[in-house]
Amino acid sequence: MSSEEKNKVVSLFEFQLFGVCSWLGEKLGIKATSIRIYFIYLSFFTFGSPIIVYLISSFVLEHKNYFKPNVHPKKHSVWDL
């Protein structure tokens, strides 16, 4: 396998397949590959239940703009009546 093909495969898994592990790695400061390996081991030991958590987190990550509260409401000025 050439390095170009390897880069395409890595790109597919890191960015196009939900990106949950890479997002979590960025937030925690851990390599995404380490998180993926732990996820695979955990899936084997718990008979696949983390897959459900992964799918739920991918849904939330994909639609995170709908789940964020409105932190900066419109500020009213003195001149608005």
Protein backbone atom coordinates (compact mmCIF):
# COMPACT_ATOMS: atom_id res chain seq x y z
CA MET A 1 0.00 0.00 0.00
CA SER A 2 1.48 3.32 -1.02
CA SER A 3 1.64 6.30 1.29
CA GLU A 4 -0.98 8.15 -0.76
CA GLU A 5 -3.47 5.32 -0.35
CA LYS A 6 -2.66 5.12 3.33
CA ASN A 7 -3.32 8.86 3.73
CA LYS A 8 -6.68 8.48 1.99
CA VAL A 9 -7.70 5.65 4.30
CA VAL A 10 -6.60 7.58 7.40
CA SER A 11 -8.46 10.65 6.17
CA LEU A 12 -11.61 8.61 5.64
CA PHE A 13 -11.56 7.16 9.13
CA GLU A 14 -10.59 10.36 10.91
CA PHE A 15 -12.77 12.94 9.26
CA GLN A 16 -15.59 11.33 7.31
CA LEU A 17 -16.77 8.63 9.71
CA PHE A 18 -18.38 10.89 12.30
CA GLY A 19 -15.12 12.20 13.83
CA VAL A 20 -16.12 11.34 17.39
CA CYS A 21 -12.73 9.95 18.45
CA SER A 22 -10.79 12.81 16.88
CA TRP A 23 -13.11 15.40 18.49
CA LEU A 24 -12.74 13.71 21.86
CA GLY A 25 -8.97 13.53 21.38
CA GLU A 26 -8.81 17.25 20.68
CA LYS A 27 -10.87 18.06 23.77
CA LEU A 28 -8.85 15.79 26.09
CA GLY A 29 -5.44 16.34 24.51
CA ILE A 30 -4.99 12.64 23.68
CA LYS A 31 -4.14 11.07 20.33
CA ALA A 32 -7.22 9.95 18.43
CA THR A 33 -5.59 6.62 17.60
CA SER A 34 -5.24 5.84 21.32
CA ILE A 35 -8.91 6.58 21.87
CA ARG A 36 -9.86 4.35 18.93
CA ILE A 37 -7.79 1.46 20.28
CA TYR A 38 -9.31 1.80 23.77
CA PHE A 39 -12.75 1.99 22.20
CA ILE A 40 -12.15 -1.24 20.28
CA TYR A 41 -10.87 -3.05 23.38
CA LEU A 42 -13.77 -1.78 25.44
CA SER A 43 -16.22 -2.92 22.76
CA PHE A 44 -14.82 -6.46 22.91
CA PHE A 45 -14.94 -6.62 26.70
CA THR A 46 -18.45 -5.20 27.02
CA PHE A 47 -19.96 -7.03 24.04
CA GLY A 48 -20.42 -3.97 21.83
CA SER A 49 -22.31 -1.63 24.15
CA PRO A 50 -19.90 1.31 23.50
CA ILE A 51 -21.05 1.23 19.89
CA ILE A 52 -24.42 2.57 21.05
CA VAL A 53 -22.65 5.36 22.96
CA TYR A 54 -20.55 6.09 19.86
CA LEU A 55 -23.63 6.36 17.63
CA ILE A 56 -25.41 8.64 20.11
CA SER A 57 -22.35 10.86 20.46
CA SER A 58 -21.96 11.01 16.67
CA PHE A 59 -25.57 12.18 16.39
CA VAL A 60 -25.05 14.83 19.07
CA LEU A 61 -21.76 15.93 17.51
CA GLU A 62 -23.37 16.21 14.09
CA HIS A 63 -26.24 18.33 15.45
CA LYS A 64 -24.40 20.14 18.25
CA ASN A 65 -25.66 23.55 17.15
CA TYR A 66 -29.21 22.51 18.05
CA PHE A 67 -28.17 21.31 21.51
CA LYS A 68 -26.22 24.42 22.54
CA PRO A 69 -28.11 26.86 24.73
CA ASN A 70 -28.36 30.46 23.65
CA VAL A 71 -25.48 31.81 25.73
CA HIS A 72 -25.53 35.34 24.39
CA PRO A 73 -29.11 36.58 24.36
CA LYS A 74 -29.82 39.84 22.63
CA LYS A 75 -28.93 42.68 24.95
CA HIS A 76 -31.49 45.42 25.14
CA SER A 77 -30.33 48.97 25.18
CA VAL A 78 -31.80 51.84 27.06
CA TRP A 79 -33.36 53.14 23.85
CA ASP A 80 -35.37 49.96 23.15
CA LEU A 81 -38.86 50.26 24.54
